[in-house]
Amino acid sequence: MAEGKVVAITGASSGIGEATALLLAERGARVVLGARRLDRLGVLAARIAAAGGEATYAHIDVKRRDDLMNLVNLACERYGKLDVLVSNATKSHFVHLFKD
């Protein structure tokens, strides 16, 4: 079911976000990782790539609207679409993205 899907995940540098990214990549999704800990995202993306998956990542803070939009834009620029957004970070502000 994840095969070929593009999934963006906030809070992807550890815990549930990291586990979700690994599972989805294992099942064929291309994952777009977002979190504040850029170093950990790089390690995770390399781990996914070493296992044959596809991942890209960006430093984001979910409290910043521009950062959230950049994550969505990264997915669209890199993979041509965004199928699923996993809003996993502690504070979720994606609801506010489309209110304007």
Protein backbone atom coordinates (compact mmCIF):
# COMPACT_ATOMS: atom_id res chain seq x y z
CA MET A 1 0.00 0.00 0.00
CA ALA A 2 2.95 2.37 0.55
CA GLU A 3 4.72 1.39 -2.68
CA GLY A 4 5.42 4.48 -4.77
CA LYS A 5 3.81 6.89 -2.32
CA VAL A 6 5.56 10.07 -1.20
CA VAL A 7 5.25 10.59 2.53
CA ALA A 8 6.43 13.62 4.50
CA ILE A 9 7.00 13.06 8.21
CA THR A 10 7.52 15.73 10.86
CA GLY A 11 9.42 14.78 13.99
CA ALA A 12 11.30 12.18 11.95
CA SER A 13 14.62 12.37 13.79
CA SER A 14 13.67 9.94 16.57
CA GLY A 15 10.97 7.86 18.19
CA ILE A 16 7.71 7.22 16.38
CA GLY A 17 8.66 9.50 13.48
CA GLU A 18 11.90 7.63 12.84
CA ALA A 19 10.19 4.24 13.14
CA THR A 20 7.43 5.36 10.78
CA ALA A 21 9.97 6.54 8.21
CA LEU A 22 11.86 3.24 8.34
CA LEU A 23 8.70 1.16 8.03
CA LEU A 24 7.27 3.18 5.15
CA ALA A 25 10.59 3.21 3.28
CA GLU A 26 10.87 -0.54 3.76
CA ARG A 27 7.43 -0.86 2.17
CA GLY A 28 8.41 1.20 -0.87
CA ALA A 29 7.45 4.77 0.04
CA ARG A 30 9.74 7.67 -0.73
CA VAL A 31 10.03 9.58 2.52
CA VAL A 32 10.61 13.27 3.14
CA LEU A 33 11.97 13.70 6.65
CA GLY A 34 11.57 16.85 8.69
CA ALA A 35 12.83 17.72 12.18
CA ARG A 36 15.05 20.15 14.05
CA ARG A 37 17.95 17.69 14.45
CA LEU A 38 19.47 17.81 10.99
CA ASP A 39 22.38 15.54 11.91
CA ARG A 40 20.00 12.75 12.92
CA LEU A 41 17.95 13.21 9.76
CA GLY A 42 21.09 12.75 7.69
CA VAL A 43 21.90 9.52 9.47
CA LEU A 44 18.34 8.26 9.01
CA ALA A 45 18.28 9.17 5.31
CA ALA A 46 21.59 7.34 4.81
CA ARG A 47 20.24 4.31 6.65
CA ILE A 48 17.15 4.27 4.42
CA ALA A 49 19.27 4.64 1.28
CA ALA A 50 21.62 1.83 2.39
CA ALA A 51 18.58 -0.43 2.67
CA GLY A 52 17.52 0.46 -0.88
CA GLY A 53 14.96 3.13 -0.07
CA GLU A 54 14.63 6.78 -1.02
CA ALA A 55 14.70 9.64 1.46
CA THR A 56 15.36 13.34 1.52
CA TYR A 57 15.27 15.64 4.49
CA ALA A 58 15.07 19.21 5.72
CA HIS A 59 15.54 21.11 8.94
CA ILE A 60 12.11 22.25 10.10
CA ASP A 61 10.54 23.66 13.20
CA VAL A 62 6.81 22.93 13.23
CA LYS A 63 6.19 26.27 14.92
CA ARG A 64 7.30 28.02 11.73
CA ARG A 65 4.78 28.09 8.90
CA ASP A 66 7.52 28.67 6.31
CA ASP A 67 9.39 25.56 7.47
CA LEU A 68 6.26 23.45 7.09
CA MET A 69 5.61 24.80 3.61
CA ASN A 70 9.25 24.11 2.73
CA LEU A 71 8.79 20.46 3.69
CA VAL A 72 5.74 20.17 1.44
CA ASN A 73 7.56 21.99 -1.36
CA LEU A 74 10.60 19.74 -0.98
CA ALA A 75 8.42 16.68 -1.50
CA CYS A 76 6.79 18.18 -4.58
CA GLU A 77 10.06 19.41 -6.08
CA ARG A 78 11.96 16.19 -5.43
CA TYR A 79 9.26 13.64 -6.20
CA GLY A 80 6.58 15.58 -8.09
CA LYS A 81 3.90 15.06 -5.47
CA LEU A 82 3.01 14.53 -1.85
CA ASP A 83 0.58 11.72 -1.05
CA VAL A 84 0.65 11.59 2.73
CA LEU A 85 1.68 13.88 5.54
CA VAL A 86 2.43 12.35 8.93
CA SER A 87 2.23 15.19 11.43
CA ASN A 88 4.18 13.55 14.21
CA ALA A 89 6.06 16.43 15.85
CA THR A 90 5.08 17.57 19.32
CA LYS A 91 3.28 20.68 18.14
CA SER A 92 1.31 20.45 14.93
CA HIS A 93 0.53 23.60 13.03
CA PHE A 94 -0.31 22.13 9.64
CA VAL A 95 -3.96 22.93 10.31
CA HIS A 96 -3.08 26.60 10.02
CA LEU A 97 -1.37 26.27 6.64
CA PHE A 98 -4.55 26.35 4.63
CA LYS A 99 -6.65 28.80 6.62
CA ASP A 100 -5.62 31.85 4.59
